[in-house]
C-alpha cells in the first residue's frame, strides 16, 4: 500500500512540474576583445570603486547588451578572443556572434547586424587649441604630420583619401606622440580617445575635433548567418534595445561612463 502511495505521489509531482513555467533564463555566448570604453577586460583595467556589479568584462557596449537581453529573459556570457579568430569563426558559423562590430562591406556576406549598441564620431586629437580656426576636414591633414592606430577604421579612411600617416600601436602611444610634438594630429575614435586621455590625466592638454564630412562609427552585434537561430537572437536583442530606449536605461548606462549618448 505504501509503495502504491509513493508511486502515485511521484506521478503527481511529475505532472505538476511538467506544467510549471521554466524560471531558468536562456544563455548565449558572444565573443569580443578589449576595446575601452566600449568593452573592457577587468584584468587589464579594473572597474571603478562605484562599479560594484561589474563583471570580468564590462564597458558601456557590454552593459547595454546585457541589459537589453535581460529584458527578454536572456543571459549573455562574454568571452575574450583575438579579433581575427572571432571574425573567422563568425564567418564559418562556429560561434553565434561578436560584439562590437562595425558594418563593413566585407562582412555583409556572412553577418547579420543588430541595431547599434553605441556610436562615436571620428576625431582629430591635437595639442590644446592646435586646430582652432581650421575647417576640420580630411583635406587639412595634408598640411600636418598625422598618426592613426594600426588596423582601426581611421587607417582605411586615410588610405582611401591618400593621406600619409604613421601607424601607432594604440591610443596611449598616439596621445603621447601628440604631446611630445612628434606628431600634429592623431586621428582616432573620439570616445575611446577621451577615455584614454582621462586615464592618463592629460585631458586639459588636448583638444578633440570631430571630423567634418566623415560619418560616425556605429557599434553593433554581428551574428553569423550560418549559426543556428542567429536571426532569432538578433531579433530578441533588437526588441530589448528598443525597451531600453523607451525606459531611458540606455542613457543611464552612458552617463555612468561619463559618455554622451548624442553625437555632437
C-alpha atoms as a PDB file:
ATOM      1  CA  UNK A   1       0.000   0.000   0.000  1.00  0.00           C
ATOM      2  CA  UNK A   2       2.829   2.395   0.922  1.00  0.00           C
ATOM      3  CA  UNK A   3       4.566   1.560  -2.373  1.00  0.00           C
ATOM      4  CA  UNK A   4       1.430   2.440  -4.337  1.00  0.00           C
ATOM      5  CA  UNK A   5       1.065   5.749  -2.493  1.00  0.00           C
ATOM      6  CA  UNK A   6       4.686   6.664  -3.224  1.00  0.00           C
ATOM      7  CA  UNK A   7       4.195   5.816  -6.876  1.00  0.00           C
ATOM      8  CA  UNK A   8       1.046   7.970  -7.118  1.00  0.00           C
ATOM      9  CA  UNK A   9       2.828  10.821  -5.281  1.00  0.00           C
ATOM     10  CA  UNK A  10       5.753  10.672  -7.724  1.00  0.00           C
ATOM     11  CA  UNK A  11       3.409  10.709 -10.702  1.00  0.00           C
ATOM     12  CA  UNK A  12       1.541  13.712  -9.277  1.00  0.00           C
ATOM     13  CA  UNK A  13       4.771  15.670  -8.741  1.00  0.00           C
ATOM     14  CA  UNK A  14       5.909  14.851 -12.245  1.00  0.00           C
ATOM     15  CA  UNK A  15       2.586  16.053 -13.639  1.00  0.00           C
ATOM     16  CA  UNK A  16       2.828  19.326 -11.690  1.00  0.00           C
ATOM     17  CA  UNK A  17       6.450  20.021 -12.714  1.00  0.00           C
ATOM     18  CA  UNK A  18       5.592  19.293 -16.338  1.00  0.00           C
ATOM     19  CA  UNK A  19       3.266  22.294 -16.441  1.00  0.00           C
ATOM     20  CA  UNK A  20       5.230  24.680 -14.223  1.00  0.00           C
ATOM     21  CA  UNK A  21       6.729  27.582 -16.227  1.00  0.00           C
ATOM     22  CA  UNK A  22      10.504  27.460 -16.524  1.00  0.00           C
ATOM     23  CA  UNK A  23      12.287  30.111 -14.476  1.00  0.00           C
ATOM     24  CA  UNK A  24      15.721  29.363 -15.840  1.00  0.00           C
ATOM     25  CA  UNK A  25      16.974  32.106 -18.142  1.00  0.00           C
ATOM     26  CA  UNK A  26      18.352  31.127 -21.524  1.00  0.00           C
ATOM     27  CA  UNK A  27      22.057  31.811 -22.024  1.00  0.00           C
ATOM     28  CA  UNK A  28      24.003  32.691 -25.136  1.00  0.00           C
ATOM     29  CA  UNK A  29      27.718  33.244 -25.721  1.00  0.00           C
ATOM     30  CA  UNK A  30      29.193  36.163 -27.659  1.00  0.00           C
ATOM     31  CA  UNK A  31      32.848  36.942 -28.310  1.00  0.00           C
ATOM     32  CA  UNK A  32      34.764  40.197 -28.071  1.00  0.00           C
ATOM     33  CA  UNK A  33      38.078  41.997 -27.490  1.00  0.00           C
ATOM     34  CA  UNK A  34      39.329  44.654 -25.060  1.00  0.00           C
ATOM     35  CA  UNK A  35      38.173  47.963 -26.609  1.00  0.00           C
ATOM     36  CA  UNK A  36      37.741  50.625 -23.906  1.00  0.00           C
ATOM     37  CA  UNK A  37      35.350  52.161 -23.121  1.00  0.00           C
ATOM     38  CA  UNK A  38      33.039  50.026 -25.280  1.00  0.00           C
ATOM     39  CA  UNK A  39      34.392  46.741 -23.925  1.00  0.00           C
ATOM     40  CA  UNK A  40      36.823  46.487 -21.020  1.00  0.00           C
ATOM     41  CA  UNK A  41      38.715  43.456 -19.756  1.00  0.00           C
ATOM     42  CA  UNK A  42      38.801  43.866 -15.965  1.00  0.00           C
ATOM     43  CA  UNK A  43      42.142  42.023 -15.881  1.00  0.00           C
ATOM     44  CA  UNK A  44      43.638  44.917 -17.877  1.00  0.00           C
ATOM     45  CA  UNK A  45      41.618  47.749 -16.356  1.00  0.00           C
ATOM     46  CA  UNK A  46      39.897  47.295 -13.016  1.00  0.00           C
ATOM     47  CA  UNK A  47      36.423  48.833 -12.736  1.00  0.00           C
ATOM     48  CA  UNK A  48      35.944  51.999 -10.646  1.00  0.00           C
ATOM     49  CA  UNK A  49      35.016  51.561  -6.992  1.00  0.00           C
ATOM     50  CA  UNK A  50      31.384  52.502  -7.670  1.00  0.00           C
ATOM     51  CA  UNK A  51      31.015  49.700 -10.250  1.00  0.00           C
ATOM     52  CA  UNK A  52      30.166  47.050  -7.662  1.00  0.00           C
ATOM     53  CA  UNK A  53      28.214  44.973 -10.183  1.00  0.00           C
ATOM     54  CA  UNK A  54      30.918  44.953 -12.886  1.00  0.00           C
ATOM     55  CA  UNK A  55      31.769  41.517 -14.273  1.00  0.00           C
ATOM     56  CA  UNK A  56      35.030  40.213 -15.759  1.00  0.00           C
ATOM     57  CA  UNK A  57      34.140  42.027 -18.979  1.00  0.00           C
ATOM     58  CA  UNK A  58      32.345  45.371 -18.722  1.00  0.00           C
ATOM     59  CA  UNK A  59      32.090  48.651 -20.691  1.00  0.00           C
ATOM     60  CA  UNK A  60      29.079  50.515 -21.991  1.00  0.00           C
ATOM     61  CA  UNK A  61      28.528  48.302 -25.067  1.00  0.00           C
ATOM     62  CA  UNK A  62      28.630  45.177 -22.887  1.00  0.00           C
ATOM     63  CA  UNK A  63      26.408  46.712 -20.207  1.00  0.00           C
ATOM     64  CA  UNK A  64      23.842  47.786 -22.816  1.00  0.00           C
ATOM     65  CA  UNK A  65      23.968  44.332 -24.414  1.00  0.00           C
ATOM     66  CA  UNK A  66      23.368  42.524 -21.124  1.00  0.00           C
ATOM     67  CA  UNK A  67      20.599  44.922 -20.068  1.00  0.00           C
ATOM     68  CA  UNK A  68      18.802  44.566 -23.403  1.00  0.00           C
ATOM     69  CA  UNK A  69      18.873  40.764 -23.343  1.00  0.00           C
ATOM     70  CA  UNK A  70      17.864  40.738 -19.662  1.00  0.00           C
ATOM     71  CA  UNK A  71      14.578  42.445 -20.578  1.00  0.00           C
ATOM     72  CA  UNK A  72      13.850  39.331 -22.655  1.00  0.00           C
ATOM     73  CA  UNK A  73      14.943  36.810 -20.012  1.00  0.00           C
ATOM     74  CA  UNK A  74      18.262  36.007 -21.702  1.00  0.00           C
ATOM     75  CA  UNK A  75      21.714  35.904 -20.074  1.00  0.00           C
ATOM     76  CA  UNK A  76      24.873  36.660 -22.038  1.00  0.00           C
ATOM     77  CA  UNK A  77      28.289  35.168 -21.390  1.00  0.00           C
ATOM     78  CA  UNK A  78      31.127  37.233 -22.869  1.00  0.00           C
ATOM     79  CA  UNK A  79      34.336  35.525 -23.954  1.00  0.00           C
ATOM     80  CA  UNK A  80      37.513  37.426 -24.860  1.00  0.00           C
ATOM     81  CA  UNK A  81      39.060  36.095 -28.071  1.00  0.00           C
ATOM     82  CA  UNK A  82      41.518  37.526 -30.637  1.00  0.00           C
ATOM     83  CA  UNK A  83      39.550  39.560 -33.189  1.00  0.00           C
ATOM     84  CA  UNK A  84      40.834  37.836 -36.323  1.00  0.00           C
ATOM     85  CA  UNK A  85      39.802  34.489 -34.868  1.00  0.00           C
ATOM     86  CA  UNK A  86      36.378  35.864 -33.911  1.00  0.00           C
ATOM     87  CA  UNK A  87      35.688  37.075 -37.452  1.00  0.00           C
ATOM     88  CA  UNK A  88      36.913  33.803 -38.917  1.00  0.00           C
ATOM     89  CA  UNK A  89      34.627  31.819 -36.588  1.00  0.00           C
ATOM     90  CA  UNK A  90      31.629  34.087 -37.259  1.00  0.00           C
ATOM     91  CA  UNK A  91      32.147  33.631 -40.990  1.00  0.00           C
ATOM     92  CA  UNK A  92      32.411  29.839 -40.596  1.00  0.00           C
ATOM     93  CA  UNK A  93      29.363  29.629 -38.299  1.00  0.00           C
ATOM     94  CA  UNK A  94      31.392  28.253 -35.382  1.00  0.00           C
ATOM     95  CA  UNK A  95      30.188  30.979 -32.960  1.00  0.00           C
ATOM     96  CA  UNK A  96      26.928  32.889 -32.646  1.00  0.00           C
ATOM     97  CA  UNK A  97      28.397  36.354 -32.939  1.00  0.00           C
ATOM     98  CA  UNK A  98      30.678  39.176 -31.879  1.00  0.00           C
ATOM     99  CA  UNK A  99      30.380  42.461 -30.008  1.00  0.00           C
ATOM    100  CA  UNK A 100      31.048  45.127 -31.064  1.00  0.00           C
ATOM    101  CA  UNK A 101      31.143  45.169 -34.861  1.00  0.00           C
ATOM    102  CA  UNK A 102      31.152  47.981 -37.347  1.00  0.00           C
ATOM    103  CA  UNK A 103      29.167  47.393 -40.518  1.00  0.00           C
ATOM    104  CA  UNK A 104      31.765  46.786 -43.227  1.00  0.00           C
ATOM    105  CA  UNK A 105      31.137  45.590 -46.813  1.00  0.00           C
ATOM    106  CA  UNK A 106      33.484  42.622 -46.332  1.00  0.00           C
ATOM    107  CA  UNK A 107      31.256  41.306 -43.517  1.00  0.00           C
ATOM    108  CA  UNK A 108      27.909  41.620 -45.306  1.00  0.00           C
ATOM    109  CA  UNK A 109      28.168  38.163 -46.861  1.00  0.00           C
ATOM    110  CA  UNK A 110      28.392  36.331 -43.544  1.00  0.00           C
ATOM    111  CA  UNK A 111      26.980  38.618 -40.833  1.00  0.00           C
ATOM    112  CA  UNK A 112      23.568  39.771 -39.601  1.00  0.00           C
ATOM    113  CA  UNK A 113      23.650  43.026 -37.627  1.00  0.00           C
ATOM    114  CA  UNK A 114      21.679  44.169 -34.634  1.00  0.00           C
ATOM    115  CA  UNK A 115      20.593  47.769 -34.286  1.00  0.00           C
ATOM    116  CA  UNK A 116      23.578  49.727 -32.895  1.00  0.00           C
ATOM    117  CA  UNK A 117      24.582  49.468 -29.250  1.00  0.00           C
ATOM    118  CA  UNK A 118      26.520  52.745 -29.401  1.00  0.00           C
ATOM    119  CA  UNK A 119      28.231  55.171 -31.731  1.00  0.00           C
ATOM    120  CA  UNK A 120      31.191  57.507 -31.765  1.00  0.00           C
ATOM    121  CA  UNK A 121      32.493  60.252 -34.014  1.00  0.00           C
ATOM    122  CA  UNK A 122      35.826  60.170 -35.791  1.00  0.00           C
ATOM    123  CA  UNK A 123      38.043  62.853 -34.291  1.00  0.00           C
ATOM    124  CA  UNK A 124      41.305  64.731 -34.704  1.00  0.00           C
ATOM    125  CA  UNK A 125      43.171  64.751 -31.392  1.00  0.00           C
ATOM    126  CA  UNK A 126      45.736  67.537 -31.041  1.00  0.00           C
ATOM    127  CA  UNK A 127      47.611  69.614 -28.536  1.00  0.00           C
ATOM    128  CA  UNK A 128      45.336  72.165 -26.893  1.00  0.00           C
ATOM    129  CA  UNK A 129      43.665  74.500 -29.457  1.00  0.00           C
ATOM    130  CA  UNK A 130      46.012  73.391 -32.260  1.00  0.00           C
ATOM    131  CA  UNK A 131      43.276  73.392 -34.929  1.00  0.00           C
ATOM    132  CA  UNK A 132      41.189  76.276 -33.640  1.00  0.00           C
ATOM    133  CA  UNK A 133      40.035  78.325 -36.616  1.00  0.00           C
ATOM    134  CA  UNK A 134      40.550  75.499 -39.131  1.00  0.00           C
ATOM    135  CA  UNK A 135      37.819  73.635 -41.009  1.00  0.00           C
ATOM    136  CA  UNK A 136      38.380  70.144 -39.626  1.00  0.00           C
ATOM    137  CA  UNK A 137      38.057  68.196 -42.858  1.00  0.00           C
ATOM    138  CA  UNK A 138      40.313  65.446 -44.155  1.00  0.00           C
ATOM    139  CA  UNK A 139      41.827  67.938 -46.618  1.00  0.00           C
ATOM    140  CA  UNK A 140      43.709  69.832 -43.886  1.00  0.00           C
ATOM    141  CA  UNK A 141      45.647  66.686 -42.940  1.00  0.00           C
ATOM    142  CA  UNK A 142      47.957  67.133 -45.915  1.00  0.00           C
ATOM    143  CA  UNK A 143      49.470  70.139 -44.089  1.00  0.00           C
ATOM    144  CA  UNK A 144      50.388  68.213 -40.929  1.00  0.00           C
ATOM    145  CA  UNK A 145      52.037  65.085 -39.538  1.00  0.00           C
ATOM    146  CA  UNK A 146      49.278  62.556 -38.873  1.00  0.00           C
ATOM    147  CA  UNK A 147      49.032  59.260 -36.984  1.00  0.00           C
ATOM    148  CA  UNK A 148      46.330  56.594 -36.532  1.00  0.00           C
ATOM    149  CA  UNK A 149      46.014  53.274 -34.697  1.00  0.00           C
ATOM    150  CA  UNK A 150      47.132  50.350 -36.837  1.00  0.00           C
ATOM    151  CA  UNK A 151      44.150  48.312 -38.049  1.00  0.00           C
ATOM    152  CA  UNK A 152      41.467  50.735 -36.862  1.00  0.00           C
ATOM    153  CA  UNK A 153      38.826  52.206 -39.159  1.00  0.00           C
ATOM    154  CA  UNK A 154      40.649  55.533 -39.408  1.00  0.00           C
ATOM    155  CA  UNK A 155      43.542  53.933 -41.293  1.00  0.00           C
ATOM    156  CA  UNK A 156      41.123  52.863 -44.029  1.00  0.00           C
ATOM    157  CA  UNK A 157      39.693  56.390 -44.208  1.00  0.00           C
ATOM    158  CA  UNK A 158      43.168  57.906 -44.523  1.00  0.00           C
ATOM    159  CA  UNK A 159      44.309  55.366 -47.100  1.00  0.00           C
ATOM    160  CA  UNK A 160      41.186  55.949 -49.218  1.00  0.00           C
ATOM    161  CA  UNK A 161      41.859  59.701 -49.101  1.00  0.00           C
ATOM    162  CA  UNK A 162      45.523  59.075 -49.975  1.00  0.00           C
ATOM    163  CA  UNK A 163      46.714  60.937 -46.885  1.00  0.00           C
ATOM    164  CA  UNK A 164      50.119  59.872 -45.496  1.00  0.00           C
ATOM    165  CA  UNK A 165      50.120  58.803 -41.853  1.00  0.00           C
ATOM    166  CA  UNK A 166      52.190  56.955 -39.280  1.00  0.00           C
ATOM    167  CA  UNK A 167      50.786  53.849 -37.592  1.00  0.00           C
ATOM    168  CA  UNK A 168      50.757  53.624 -33.792  1.00  0.00           C
ATOM    169  CA  UNK A 169      50.046  50.590 -31.649  1.00  0.00           C
ATOM    170  CA  UNK A 170      47.295  52.102 -29.505  1.00  0.00           C
ATOM    171  CA  UNK A 171      45.587  55.132 -28.042  1.00  0.00           C
ATOM    172  CA  UNK A 172      48.187  55.924 -25.396  1.00  0.00           C
ATOM    173  CA  UNK A 173      51.021  55.893 -27.894  1.00  0.00           C
ATOM    174  CA  UNK A 174      49.068  58.146 -30.257  1.00  0.00           C
ATOM    175  CA  UNK A 175      48.351  60.654 -27.478  1.00  0.00           C
ATOM    176  CA  UNK A 176      51.931  60.639 -26.224  1.00  0.00           C
ATOM    177  CA  UNK A 177      53.241  61.421 -29.711  1.00  0.00           C
ATOM    178  CA  UNK A 178      50.933  64.435 -29.865  1.00  0.00           C
ATOM    179  CA  UNK A 179      52.103  65.754 -26.507  1.00  0.00           C
ATOM    180  CA  UNK A 180      55.771  65.220 -27.335  1.00  0.00           C
ATOM    181  CA  UNK A 181      55.255  67.169 -30.564  1.00  0.00           C
ATOM    182  CA  UNK A 182      56.451  64.331 -32.785  1.00  0.00           C
ATOM    183  CA  UNK A 183      53.040  64.360 -34.490  1.00  0.00           C
ATOM    184  CA  UNK A 184      50.484  67.104 -35.037  1.00  0.00           C
ATOM    185  CA  UNK A 185      47.211  65.216 -35.387  1.00  0.00           C
ATOM    186  CA  UNK A 186      46.094  61.828 -34.101  1.00  0.00           C
ATOM    187  CA  UNK A 187      43.001  60.647 -35.991  1.00  0.00           C
ATOM    188  CA  UNK A 188      41.002  58.158 -33.966  1.00  0.00           C
ATOM    189  CA  UNK A 189      37.646  57.373 -32.366  1.00  0.00           C
ATOM    190  CA  UNK A 190      36.555  60.250 -30.137  1.00  0.00           C
ATOM    191  CA  UNK A 191      35.075  58.422 -27.135  1.00  0.00           C
ATOM    192  CA  UNK A 192      37.911  55.926 -26.846  1.00  0.00           C
ATOM    193  CA  UNK A 193      40.495  58.721 -27.064  1.00  0.00           C
ATOM    194  CA  UNK A 194      38.736  60.773 -24.389  1.00  0.00           C
ATOM    195  CA  UNK A 195      38.524  57.742 -22.129  1.00  0.00           C
ATOM    196  CA  UNK A 196      42.256  57.074 -22.555  1.00  0.00           C
ATOM    197  CA  UNK A 197      43.145  60.752 -22.010  1.00  0.00           C
ATOM    198  CA  UNK A 198      41.191  60.844 -18.737  1.00  0.00           C
ATOM    199  CA  UNK A 199      43.028  57.758 -17.509  1.00  0.00           C
ATOM    200  CA  UNK A 200      46.372  59.334 -18.460  1.00  0.00           C
ATOM    201  CA  UNK A 201      45.448  62.604 -16.726  1.00  0.00           C
ATOM    202  CA  UNK A 202      46.092  64.724 -19.824  1.00  0.00           C
ATOM    203  CA  UNK A 203      42.603  65.863 -20.883  1.00  0.00           C
ATOM    204  CA  UNK A 204      43.447  69.500 -20.163  1.00  0.00           C
ATOM    205  CA  UNK A 205      46.394  69.321 -22.571  1.00  0.00           C
ATOM    206  CA  UNK A 206      44.370  68.107 -25.554  1.00  0.00           C
ATOM    207  CA  UNK A 207      41.659  69.246 -27.962  1.00  0.00           C
ATOM    208  CA  UNK A 208      39.226  66.944 -29.781  1.00  0.00           C
ATOM    209  CA  UNK A 209      37.756  67.976 -33.137  1.00  0.00           C
ATOM    210  CA  UNK A 210      35.030  65.928 -34.814  1.00  0.00           C
ATOM    211  CA  UNK A 211      35.944  65.288 -38.450  1.00  0.00           C
ATOM    212  CA  UNK A 212      33.616  67.107 -40.839  1.00  0.00           C
ATOM    213  CA  UNK A 213      32.234  65.066 -43.720  1.00  0.00           C
ATOM    214  CA  UNK A 214      33.064  61.684 -42.188  1.00  0.00           C
ATOM    215  CA  UNK A 215      30.236  59.644 -40.709  1.00  0.00           C
ATOM    216  CA  UNK A 216      30.118  58.248 -37.216  1.00  0.00           C
ATOM    217  CA  UNK A 217      31.215  54.736 -36.291  1.00  0.00           C
ATOM    218  CA  UNK A 218      28.261  52.598 -35.188  1.00  0.00           C
ATOM    219  CA  UNK A 219      28.900  49.583 -32.967  1.00  0.00           C
ATOM    220  CA  UNK A 220      26.524  46.624 -33.098  1.00  0.00           C
ATOM    221  CA  UNK A 221      26.479  42.867 -32.574  1.00  0.00           C
ATOM    222  CA  UNK A 222      27.178  40.850 -35.714  1.00  0.00           C
ATOM    223  CA  UNK A 223      25.620  37.400 -35.814  1.00  0.00           C
ATOM    224  CA  UNK A 224      26.804  34.559 -38.017  1.00  0.00           C
ATOM    225  CA  UNK A 225      24.397  33.779 -40.854  1.00  0.00           C
ATOM    226  CA  UNK A 226      25.477  30.128 -40.602  1.00  0.00           C
ATOM    227  CA  UNK A 227      24.845  29.741 -36.857  1.00  0.00           C
ATOM    228  CA  UNK A 228      21.522  28.134 -35.756  1.00  0.00           C
ATOM    229  CA  UNK A 229      18.861  30.657 -34.653  1.00  0.00           C
ATOM    230  CA  UNK A 230      21.141  33.636 -35.340  1.00  0.00           C
ATOM    231  CA  UNK A 231      18.260  35.672 -36.766  1.00  0.00           C
ATOM    232  CA  UNK A 232      16.159  34.860 -33.693  1.00  0.00           C
ATOM    233  CA  UNK A 233      18.845  36.104 -31.288  1.00  0.00           C
ATOM    234  CA  UNK A 234      19.344  39.248 -33.385  1.00  0.00           C
ATOM    235  CA  UNK A 235      15.619  39.990 -33.216  1.00  0.00           C
ATOM    236  CA  UNK A 236      15.474  39.308 -29.458  1.00  0.00           C
ATOM    237  CA  UNK A 237      18.328  41.787 -28.919  1.00  0.00           C
ATOM    238  CA  UNK A 238      16.678  44.431 -31.094  1.00  0.00           C
ATOM    239  CA  UNK A 239      13.484  44.099 -29.085  1.00  0.00           C
ATOM    240  CA  UNK A 240      15.436  44.510 -25.846  1.00  0.00           C
ATOM    241  CA  UNK A 241      17.306  47.561 -27.162  1.00  0.00           C
ATOM    242  CA  UNK A 242      14.001  49.194 -28.051  1.00  0.00           C
ATOM    243  CA  UNK A 243      12.774  48.605 -24.494  1.00  0.00           C
ATOM    244  CA  UNK A 244      15.968  50.159 -23.076  1.00  0.00           C
ATOM    245  CA  UNK A 245      15.405  53.279 -25.150  1.00  0.00           C
ATOM    246  CA  UNK A 246      11.778  53.548 -24.096  1.00  0.00           C
ATOM    247  CA  UNK A 247      12.706  53.216 -20.422  1.00  0.00           C
ATOM    248  CA  UNK A 248      15.725  55.538 -20.600  1.00  0.00           C
ATOM    249  CA  UNK A 249      18.025  52.776 -19.353  1.00  0.00           C
ATOM    250  CA  UNK A 250      20.467  53.106 -22.245  1.00  0.00           C
ATOM    251  CA  UNK A 251      21.074  56.790 -21.447  1.00  0.00           C
ATOM    252  CA  UNK A 252      21.663  55.857 -17.802  1.00  0.00           C
ATOM    253  CA  UNK A 253      24.394  53.412 -18.826  1.00  0.00           C
ATOM    254  CA  UNK A 254      26.144  56.018 -20.979  1.00  0.00           C
ATOM    255  CA  UNK A 255      26.044  58.556 -18.145  1.00  0.00           C
ATOM    256  CA  UNK A 256      27.607  56.006 -15.798  1.00  0.00           C
ATOM    257  CA  UNK A 257      30.682  56.060 -18.061  1.00  0.00           C
ATOM    258  CA  UNK A 258      30.651  59.829 -18.469  1.00  0.00           C
ATOM    259  CA  UNK A 259      29.754  59.449 -22.152  1.00  0.00           C
ATOM    260  CA  UNK A 260      27.059  61.368 -24.002  1.00  0.00           C
ATOM    261  CA  UNK A 261      24.572  59.274 -25.979  1.00  0.00           C
ATOM    262  CA  UNK A 262      24.311  62.097 -28.526  1.00  0.00           C
ATOM    263  CA  UNK A 263      26.585  62.687 -31.482  1.00  0.00           C
ATOM    264  CA  UNK A 264      27.755  66.295 -31.270  1.00  0.00           C
END
